[in-house]
Amino acid sequence: MMGLALSAAGAQAQGTLDKIEGTATELKGAAKDAVGTATGDTKLEWSGKVDKVDGAAQNAVGDLMNTAGAVDAKAAGLFTRLGNYLAGCF
């Protein structure tokens, strides 16, 4: 049970890190896109667009990991309660 709870916390922590990194990548991409558009540098502009998509994808992965971590934590809690109930019966 403890391993399941620890893996849930680890998944949520990794999901949060993915969301932070994804947001940073999106912001970097937005800046590159804006500068590229303003200066007429299409290579920089498209590089920014790619960074924005990469960042959004990383944010989505972070959301999924946070959701999976929450589900794992609830399952661990359920098994703990079930174990406590069965221990009380004997």
N, C-alpha and C. Protein backbone atom coordinates (compact mmCIF):
# COMPACT_ATOMS: atom_id res chain seq x y z
N MET A 1 0.81 -1.20 0.00
CA MET A 1 0.00 0.00 0.00
C MET A 1 0.85 1.26 0.00
N MET A 2 1.92 1.22 0.78
CA MET A 2 2.77 2.41 0.90
C MET A 2 3.40 2.75 -0.45
N GLY A 3 3.78 1.73 -1.21
CA GLY A 3 4.39 1.96 -2.52
C GLY A 3 3.41 2.65 -3.46
N LEU A 4 2.15 2.26 -3.40
CA LEU A 4 1.14 2.87 -4.24
C LEU A 4 0.94 4.32 -3.87
N ALA A 5 0.92 4.62 -2.60
CA ALA A 5 0.74 6.01 -2.15
C ALA A 5 1.95 6.84 -2.53
N LEU A 6 3.15 6.27 -2.38
CA LEU A 6 4.36 7.02 -2.74
C LEU A 6 4.44 7.26 -4.23
N SER A 7 4.02 6.28 -5.03
CA SER A 7 4.06 6.48 -6.48
C SER A 7 3.04 7.53 -6.90
N ALA A 8 1.93 7.61 -6.21
CA ALA A 8 0.92 8.62 -6.51
C ALA A 8 1.48 10.01 -6.23
N ALA A 9 2.17 10.16 -5.12
CA ALA A 9 2.76 11.47 -4.79
C ALA A 9 3.84 11.81 -5.81
N GLY A 10 4.61 10.82 -6.22
CA GLY A 10 5.65 11.06 -7.21
C GLY A 10 5.07 11.47 -8.55
N ALA A 11 3.96 10.84 -8.95
CA ALA A 11 3.32 11.18 -10.22
C ALA A 11 2.79 12.61 -10.18
N GLN A 12 2.21 13.00 -9.05
CA GLN A 12 1.69 14.36 -8.94
C GLN A 12 2.82 15.37 -8.94
N ALA A 13 3.92 15.05 -8.27
CA ALA A 13 5.06 15.97 -8.26
C ALA A 13 5.61 16.13 -9.67
N GLN A 14 5.75 15.01 -10.40
CA GLN A 14 6.26 15.09 -11.77
C GLN A 14 5.27 15.85 -12.65
N GLY A 15 3.99 15.63 -12.42
CA GLY A 15 2.98 16.36 -13.20
C GLY A 15 3.08 17.86 -12.99
N THR A 16 3.32 18.27 -11.75
CA THR A 16 3.46 19.69 -11.45
C THR A 16 4.70 20.25 -12.12
N LEU A 17 5.80 19.51 -12.08
CA LEU A 17 7.02 19.96 -12.76
C LEU A 17 6.80 20.07 -14.26
N ASP A 18 6.08 19.11 -14.85
CA ASP A 18 5.79 19.17 -16.28
C ASP A 18 4.97 20.41 -16.61
N LYS A 19 4.01 20.74 -15.76
CA LYS A 19 3.19 21.92 -16.01
C LYS A 19 4.02 23.20 -15.92
N ILE A 20 4.94 23.28 -14.95
CA ILE A 20 5.79 24.46 -14.81
C ILE A 20 6.69 24.60 -16.04
N GLU A 21 7.34 23.50 -16.43
CA GLU A 21 8.22 23.54 -17.59
C GLU A 21 7.44 23.83 -18.87
N GLY A 22 6.25 23.25 -18.99
CA GLY A 22 5.41 23.50 -20.16
C GLY A 22 5.01 24.96 -20.28
N THR A 23 4.65 25.56 -19.16
CA THR A 23 4.27 26.97 -19.17
C THR A 23 5.47 27.84 -19.54
N ALA A 24 6.64 27.51 -19.02
CA ALA A 24 7.85 28.27 -19.36
C ALA A 24 8.16 28.16 -20.85
N THR A 25 8.00 26.97 -21.40
CA THR A 25 8.25 26.77 -22.83
C THR A 25 7.23 27.54 -23.66
N GLU A 26 5.98 27.55 -23.22
CA GLU A 26 4.95 28.32 -23.94
C GLU A 26 5.27 29.81 -23.92
N LEU A 27 5.69 30.32 -22.77
CA LEU A 27 6.03 31.75 -22.67
C LEU A 27 7.23 32.10 -23.55
N LYS A 28 8.24 31.23 -23.53
CA LYS A 28 9.41 31.45 -24.39
C LYS A 28 8.98 31.46 -25.85
N GLY A 29 8.10 30.52 -26.21
CA GLY A 29 7.61 30.45 -27.58
C GLY A 29 6.82 31.68 -27.98
N ALA A 30 6.01 32.19 -27.07
CA ALA A 30 5.22 33.39 -27.36
C ALA A 30 6.14 34.58 -27.61
N ALA A 31 7.20 34.68 -26.80
CA ALA A 31 8.15 35.78 -26.99
C ALA A 31 8.87 35.66 -28.33
N LYS A 32 9.34 34.45 -28.66
CA LYS A 32 10.02 34.24 -29.93
C LYS A 32 9.09 34.53 -31.10
N ASP A 33 7.85 34.09 -30.99
CA ASP A 33 6.85 34.32 -32.03
C ASP A 33 6.62 35.82 -32.24
N ALA A 34 6.47 36.54 -31.14
CA ALA A 34 6.22 37.99 -31.22
C ALA A 34 7.42 38.73 -31.82
N VAL A 35 8.61 38.40 -31.36
CA VAL A 35 9.81 39.05 -31.88
C VAL A 35 10.00 38.70 -33.36
N GLY A 36 9.79 37.45 -33.70
CA GLY A 36 9.92 37.03 -35.10
C GLY A 36 8.93 37.73 -36.00
N THR A 37 7.71 37.89 -35.53
CA THR A 37 6.68 38.59 -36.30
C THR A 37 7.04 40.06 -36.46
N ALA A 38 7.46 40.68 -35.37
CA ALA A 38 7.79 42.11 -35.40
C ALA A 38 8.99 42.41 -36.30
N THR A 39 9.96 41.50 -36.34
CA THR A 39 11.18 41.75 -37.11
C THR A 39 11.13 41.14 -38.50
N GLY A 40 10.10 40.36 -38.78
CA GLY A 40 10.01 39.70 -40.09
C GLY A 40 10.88 38.46 -40.18
N ASP A 41 11.36 37.97 -39.06
CA ASP A 41 12.19 36.77 -39.03
C ASP A 41 11.28 35.55 -38.93
N THR A 42 10.96 34.96 -40.10
CA THR A 42 10.00 33.85 -40.11
C THR A 42 10.55 32.61 -39.40
N LYS A 43 11.87 32.41 -39.45
CA LYS A 43 12.45 31.25 -38.77
C LYS A 43 12.23 31.36 -37.26
N LEU A 44 12.48 32.54 -36.69
CA LEU A 44 12.26 32.76 -35.27
C LEU A 44 10.78 32.67 -34.93
N GLU A 45 9.94 33.22 -35.80
CA GLU A 45 8.49 33.17 -35.58
C GLU A 45 8.00 31.73 -35.51
N TRP A 46 8.41 30.90 -36.46
CA TRP A 46 7.96 29.51 -36.48
C TRP A 46 8.58 28.69 -35.36
N SER A 47 9.80 29.04 -34.98
CA SER A 47 10.41 28.38 -33.83
C SER A 47 9.59 28.66 -32.57
N GLY A 48 9.10 29.88 -32.46
CA GLY A 48 8.24 30.24 -31.34
C GLY A 48 6.92 29.49 -31.35
N LYS A 49 6.36 29.33 -32.56
CA LYS A 49 5.10 28.58 -32.66
C LYS A 49 5.30 27.12 -32.23
N VAL A 50 6.42 26.53 -32.63
CA VAL A 50 6.74 25.15 -32.24
C VAL A 50 6.90 25.06 -30.73
N ASP A 51 7.60 26.04 -30.13
CA ASP A 51 7.77 26.03 -28.67
C ASP A 51 6.43 26.13 -27.95
N LYS A 52 5.53 26.94 -28.49
CA LYS A 52 4.21 27.06 -27.86
C LYS A 52 3.45 25.74 -27.89
N VAL A 53 3.53 25.02 -29.00
CA VAL A 53 2.86 23.73 -29.11
C VAL A 53 3.52 22.71 -28.17
N ASP A 54 4.87 22.71 -28.14
CA ASP A 54 5.58 21.81 -27.23
C ASP A 54 5.18 22.08 -25.78
N GLY A 55 5.11 23.34 -25.41
CA GLY A 55 4.75 23.70 -24.04
C GLY A 55 3.33 23.28 -23.70
N ALA A 56 2.42 23.47 -24.65
CA ALA A 56 1.03 23.06 -24.42
C ALA A 56 0.94 21.55 -24.25
N ALA A 57 1.71 20.81 -25.04
CA ALA A 57 1.70 19.35 -24.92
C ALA A 57 2.26 18.92 -23.56
N GLN A 58 3.31 19.58 -23.11
CA GLN A 58 3.89 19.24 -21.81
C GLN A 58 2.92 19.57 -20.68
N ASN A 59 2.18 20.65 -20.82
CA ASN A 59 1.14 20.98 -19.84
C ASN A 59 0.08 19.89 -19.80
N ALA A 60 -0.31 19.38 -20.96
CA ALA A 60 -1.33 18.32 -21.02
C ALA A 60 -0.81 17.06 -20.33
N VAL A 61 0.46 16.73 -20.54
CA VAL A 61 1.04 15.57 -19.87
C VAL A 61 1.02 15.78 -18.36
N GLY A 62 1.35 16.99 -17.92
CA GLY A 62 1.32 17.30 -16.50
C GLY A 62 -0.07 17.13 -15.91
N ASP A 63 -1.08 17.57 -16.65
CA ASP A 63 -2.46 17.40 -16.20
C ASP A 63 -2.81 15.92 -16.04
N LEU A 64 -2.41 15.12 -17.03
CA LEU A 64 -2.70 13.69 -16.97
C LEU A 64 -1.99 13.03 -15.80
N MET A 65 -0.74 13.41 -15.56
CA MET A 65 0.00 12.82 -14.44
C MET A 65 -0.62 13.22 -13.10
N ASN A 66 -1.06 14.47 -13.00
CA ASN A 66 -1.72 14.90 -11.76
C ASN A 66 -3.01 14.13 -11.54
N THR A 67 -3.77 13.90 -12.61
CA THR A 67 -5.02 13.14 -12.50
C THR A 67 -4.73 11.69 -12.12
N ALA A 68 -3.73 11.10 -12.76
CA ALA A 68 -3.37 9.71 -12.45
C ALA A 68 -2.90 9.60 -11.00
N GLY A 69 -2.13 10.58 -10.55
CA GLY A 69 -1.65 10.57 -9.17
C GLY A 69 -2.80 10.66 -8.18
N ALA A 70 -3.81 11.46 -8.50
CA ALA A 70 -4.97 11.59 -7.61
C ALA A 70 -5.75 10.28 -7.56
N VAL A 71 -5.90 9.62 -8.70
CA VAL A 71 -6.61 8.34 -8.75
C VAL A 71 -5.84 7.30 -7.95
N ASP A 72 -4.50 7.25 -8.11
CA ASP A 72 -3.68 6.30 -7.35
C ASP A 72 -3.81 6.54 -5.85
N ALA A 73 -3.80 7.80 -5.45
CA ALA A 73 -3.90 8.13 -4.03
C ALA A 73 -5.26 7.69 -3.47
N LYS A 74 -6.33 7.86 -4.24
CA LYS A 74 -7.65 7.42 -3.78
C LYS A 74 -7.70 5.90 -3.68
N ALA A 75 -7.08 5.21 -4.64
CA ALA A 75 -7.06 3.74 -4.59
C ALA A 75 -6.27 3.28 -3.37
N ALA A 76 -5.14 3.93 -3.10
CA ALA A 76 -4.34 3.56 -1.93
C ALA A 76 -5.15 3.78 -0.65
N GLY A 77 -5.89 4.88 -0.57
CA GLY A 77 -6.72 5.15 0.60
C GLY A 77 -7.82 4.11 0.77
N LEU A 78 -8.41 3.69 -0.34
CA LEU A 78 -9.45 2.67 -0.30
C LEU A 78 -8.90 1.34 0.24
N PHE A 79 -7.73 0.94 -0.29
CA PHE A 79 -7.14 -0.32 0.18
C PHE A 79 -6.71 -0.22 1.65
N THR A 80 -6.26 0.91 2.08
CA THR A 80 -5.88 1.09 3.49
C THR A 80 -7.11 0.95 4.38
N ARG A 81 -8.20 1.60 3.99
CA ARG A 81 -9.44 1.49 4.77
C ARG A 81 -9.95 0.06 4.79
N LEU A 82 -9.87 -0.62 3.63
CA LEU A 82 -10.31 -2.01 3.56
C LEU A 82 -9.44 -2.88 4.48
N GLY A 83 -8.13 -2.65 4.44
CA GLY A 83 -7.23 -3.42 5.31
C GLY A 83 -7.52 -3.18 6.77
N ASN A 84 -7.79 -1.92 7.13
CA ASN A 84 -8.11 -1.60 8.52
C ASN A 84 -9.42 -2.25 8.95
N TYR A 85 -10.39 -2.26 8.06
CA TYR A 85 -11.67 -2.89 8.36
C TYR A 85 -11.49 -4.39 8.60
N LEU A 86 -10.75 -5.04 7.69
CA LEU A 86 -10.54 -6.49 7.82
C LEU A 86 -9.73 -6.80 9.07
N ALA A 87 -8.75 -5.96 9.40
CA ALA A 87 -7.96 -6.17 10.62
C ALA A 87 -8.85 -6.05 11.85
N GLY A 88 -9.83 -5.16 11.81
CA GLY A 88 -10.74 -5.00 12.92
C GLY A 88 -11.68 -6.18 13.10
N CYS A 89 -11.93 -6.91 12.03
CA CYS A 89 -12.81 -8.07 12.09
C CYS A 89 -12.16 -9.26 12.77
N PHE A 90 -10.84 -9.29 12.80
CA PHE A 90 -10.13 -10.45 13.34
C PHE A 90 -9.50 -10.14 14.62
